[in-house]
Amino acid sequence: MGALCATTGVVLPSFIIITMISYFIEAFKEIRVVRYAFFGIRAGVLSLILKALISMFMQSTKNVLAYILMFVSAAAVIFFDVNAIIVIVVCALAGITYAEIRGRGNDMD
């Protein structure tokens, strides 16, 4: 129960603020300054995503399955517009299955 309350306390304020902003953003999206601000925000978000990608790659297990999953999941999301949540679940199941087949349930190295 404590974890639920803590998670709600962390997530709910941001959720409420973003929801409120989304109602007002439509009215301001045609203003030039706002459009330029969003171009800058997109660039910042892209850099954060790339930093997270590089960090996760450096910390991840490097084997044939990992590389196959990486390329197939990237292609599925980029070229075939597959929902990222589905890709994450499928990759998690593939990793669990691989670990169980290899007999190492908790370590894939």
C-alpha atoms as a PDB file:
ATOM      1  CA  MET A   1       0.000   0.000   0.000  1.00  0.00           C
ATOM      2  CA  GLY A   2       2.893   2.344   0.737  1.00  0.00           C
ATOM      3  CA  ALA A   3       4.424   1.776  -2.701  1.00  0.00           C
ATOM      4  CA  LEU A   4       1.079   2.528  -4.331  1.00  0.00           C
ATOM      5  CA  CYS A   5       0.712   5.783  -2.396  1.00  0.00           C
ATOM      6  CA  ALA A   6       4.320   6.800  -3.115  1.00  0.00           C
ATOM      7  CA  THR A   7       3.977   6.060  -6.826  1.00  0.00           C
ATOM      8  CA  THR A   8       0.700   7.950  -7.008  1.00  0.00           C
ATOM      9  CA  GLY A   9       2.259  10.904  -5.221  1.00  0.00           C
ATOM     10  CA  VAL A  10       5.145  11.006  -7.681  1.00  0.00           C
ATOM     11  CA  VAL A  11       3.152  10.437 -10.879  1.00  0.00           C
ATOM     12  CA  LEU A  12      -0.125  12.244 -10.227  1.00  0.00           C
ATOM     13  CA  PRO A  13       1.147  15.862 -10.056  1.00  0.00           C
ATOM     14  CA  SER A  14       2.992  15.540 -13.382  1.00  0.00           C
ATOM     15  CA  PHE A  15       0.006  13.831 -14.962  1.00  0.00           C
ATOM     16  CA  ILE A  16      -2.345  16.595 -13.828  1.00  0.00           C
ATOM     17  CA  ILE A  17      -0.008  19.353 -15.037  1.00  0.00           C
ATOM     18  CA  ILE A  18       0.518  17.741 -18.452  1.00  0.00           C
ATOM     19  CA  THR A  19      -3.219  17.175 -18.835  1.00  0.00           C
ATOM     20  CA  MET A  20      -3.926  20.826 -18.045  1.00  0.00           C
ATOM     21  CA  ILE A  21      -1.240  22.006 -20.469  1.00  0.00           C
ATOM     22  CA  SER A  22      -2.640  19.808 -23.242  1.00  0.00           C
ATOM     23  CA  TYR A  23      -5.995  21.600 -23.006  1.00  0.00           C
ATOM     24  CA  PHE A  24      -4.356  25.002 -23.478  1.00  0.00           C
ATOM     25  CA  ILE A  25      -1.704  24.076 -26.023  1.00  0.00           C
ATOM     26  CA  GLU A  26      -4.165  23.940 -28.926  1.00  0.00           C
ATOM     27  CA  ALA A  27      -4.929  27.629 -28.503  1.00  0.00           C
ATOM     28  CA  PHE A  28      -1.249  28.614 -28.573  1.00  0.00           C
ATOM     29  CA  LYS A  29       0.257  26.234 -31.128  1.00  0.00           C
ATOM     30  CA  GLU A  30      -0.055  28.716 -34.015  1.00  0.00           C
ATOM     31  CA  ILE A  31       1.973  31.409 -32.233  1.00  0.00           C
ATOM     32  CA  ARG A  32       5.448  31.608 -33.785  1.00  0.00           C
ATOM     33  CA  VAL A  33       7.341  31.754 -30.483  1.00  0.00           C
ATOM     34  CA  VAL A  34       5.513  28.674 -29.206  1.00  0.00           C
ATOM     35  CA  ARG A  35       6.285  26.769 -32.434  1.00  0.00           C
ATOM     36  CA  TYR A  36       9.982  27.636 -32.123  1.00  0.00           C
ATOM     37  CA  ALA A  37       9.961  26.614 -28.485  1.00  0.00           C
ATOM     38  CA  PHE A  38       8.570  23.208 -29.455  1.00  0.00           C
ATOM     39  CA  PHE A  39      11.291  22.779 -32.099  1.00  0.00           C
ATOM     40  CA  GLY A  40      13.849  23.352 -29.361  1.00  0.00           C
ATOM     41  CA  ILE A  41      12.060  21.017 -26.990  1.00  0.00           C
ATOM     42  CA  ARG A  42      12.023  18.281 -29.647  1.00  0.00           C
ATOM     43  CA  ALA A  43      15.778  18.618 -30.089  1.00  0.00           C
ATOM     44  CA  GLY A  44      16.282  18.376 -26.327  1.00  0.00           C
ATOM     45  CA  VAL A  45      14.038  15.333 -26.039  1.00  0.00           C
ATOM     46  CA  LEU A  46      15.864  13.643 -28.917  1.00  0.00           C
ATOM     47  CA  SER A  47      19.204  14.188 -27.190  1.00  0.00           C
ATOM     48  CA  LEU A  48      17.834  12.740 -23.932  1.00  0.00           C
ATOM     49  CA  ILE A  49      16.510   9.678 -25.769  1.00  0.00           C
ATOM     50  CA  LEU A  50      19.855   9.148 -27.512  1.00  0.00           C
ATOM     51  CA  LYS A  51      21.715   9.503 -24.207  1.00  0.00           C
ATOM     52  CA  ALA A  52      19.424   6.902 -22.607  1.00  0.00           C
ATOM     53  CA  LEU A  53      19.877   4.605 -25.615  1.00  0.00           C
ATOM     54  CA  ILE A  54      23.658   4.800 -25.434  1.00  0.00           C
ATOM     55  CA  SER A  55      23.653   4.278 -21.671  1.00  0.00           C
ATOM     56  CA  MET A  56      21.363   1.240 -21.925  1.00  0.00           C
ATOM     57  CA  PHE A  57      23.461  -0.208 -24.756  1.00  0.00           C
ATOM     58  CA  MET A  58      26.666   0.135 -22.744  1.00  0.00           C
ATOM     59  CA  GLN A  59      25.098  -1.636 -19.749  1.00  0.00           C
ATOM     60  CA  SER A  60      23.251  -4.362 -21.658  1.00  0.00           C
ATOM     61  CA  THR A  61      24.250  -7.919 -22.316  1.00  0.00           C
ATOM     62  CA  LYS A  62      26.011  -8.294 -25.642  1.00  0.00           C
ATOM     63  CA  ASN A  63      25.128 -11.537 -27.394  1.00  0.00           C
ATOM     64  CA  VAL A  64      23.572 -12.626 -30.672  1.00  0.00           C
ATOM     65  CA  LEU A  65      20.015 -12.627 -29.278  1.00  0.00           C
ATOM     66  CA  ALA A  66      20.419  -9.099 -27.935  1.00  0.00           C
ATOM     67  CA  TYR A  67      21.595  -7.798 -31.303  1.00  0.00           C
ATOM     68  CA  ILE A  68      18.807  -9.612 -33.171  1.00  0.00           C
ATOM     69  CA  LEU A  69      16.170  -8.265 -30.770  1.00  0.00           C
ATOM     70  CA  MET A  70      17.615  -4.770 -31.079  1.00  0.00           C
ATOM     71  CA  PHE A  71      17.469  -4.698 -34.886  1.00  0.00           C
ATOM     72  CA  VAL A  72      14.110  -6.472 -35.205  1.00  0.00           C
ATOM     73  CA  SER A  73      12.432  -4.303 -32.567  1.00  0.00           C
ATOM     74  CA  ALA A  74      13.840  -1.100 -34.089  1.00  0.00           C
ATOM     75  CA  ALA A  75      12.576  -2.153 -37.528  1.00  0.00           C
ATOM     76  CA  ALA A  76       9.169  -3.067 -36.110  1.00  0.00           C
ATOM     77  CA  VAL A  77       8.732   0.323 -34.459  1.00  0.00           C
ATOM     78  CA  ILE A  78      10.305   2.473 -37.195  1.00  0.00           C
ATOM     79  CA  PHE A  79       9.140   0.812 -40.409  1.00  0.00           C
ATOM     80  CA  PHE A  80       6.009  -1.126 -39.423  1.00  0.00           C
ATOM     81  CA  ASP A  81       4.588   1.255 -36.788  1.00  0.00           C
ATOM     82  CA  VAL A  82       4.280  -1.486 -34.146  1.00  0.00           C
ATOM     83  CA  ASN A  83       3.332  -0.184 -30.706  1.00  0.00           C
ATOM     84  CA  ALA A  84       6.458   0.160 -28.539  1.00  0.00           C
ATOM     85  CA  ILE A  85       4.744  -1.478 -25.553  1.00  0.00           C
ATOM     86  CA  ILE A  86       4.135  -4.611 -27.599  1.00  0.00           C
ATOM     87  CA  VAL A  87       7.779  -4.626 -28.666  1.00  0.00           C
ATOM     88  CA  ILE A  88       8.942  -4.264 -25.057  1.00  0.00           C
ATOM     89  CA  VAL A  89       6.736  -7.132 -23.874  1.00  0.00           C
ATOM     90  CA  VAL A  90       7.839  -9.413 -26.734  1.00  0.00           C
ATOM     91  CA  CYS A  91      11.522  -8.624 -26.093  1.00  0.00           C
ATOM     92  CA  ALA A  92      11.102  -9.267 -22.361  1.00  0.00           C
ATOM     93  CA  LEU A  93       9.449 -12.620 -23.083  1.00  0.00           C
ATOM     94  CA  ALA A  94      12.217 -13.509 -25.550  1.00  0.00           C
ATOM     95  CA  GLY A  95      14.859 -12.685 -22.933  1.00  0.00           C
ATOM     96  CA  ILE A  96      13.110 -14.704 -20.230  1.00  0.00           C
ATOM     97  CA  THR A  97      12.664 -17.640 -22.596  1.00  0.00           C
ATOM     98  CA  TYR A  98      16.323 -17.476 -23.633  1.00  0.00           C
ATOM     99  CA  ALA A  99      17.464 -17.401 -19.999  1.00  0.00           C
ATOM    100  CA  GLU A 100      15.257 -20.351 -19.082  1.00  0.00           C
ATOM    101  CA  ILE A 101      16.420 -22.404 -22.066  1.00  0.00           C
ATOM    102  CA  ARG A 102      20.033 -21.662 -21.207  1.00  0.00           C
ATOM    103  CA  GLY A 103      19.275 -22.707 -17.619  1.00  0.00           C
ATOM    104  CA  ARG A 104      20.484 -19.531 -16.025  1.00  0.00           C
ATOM    105  CA  GLY A 105      17.157 -17.940 -15.014  1.00  0.00           C
ATOM    106  CA  ASN A 106      18.759 -14.699 -13.765  1.00  0.00           C
ATOM    107  CA  ASP A 107      21.932 -14.095 -15.804  1.00  0.00           C
ATOM    108  CA  MET A 108      22.189 -14.004 -19.583  1.00  0.00           C
ATOM    109  CA  ASP A 109      25.978 -13.541 -19.932  1.00  0.00           C
END
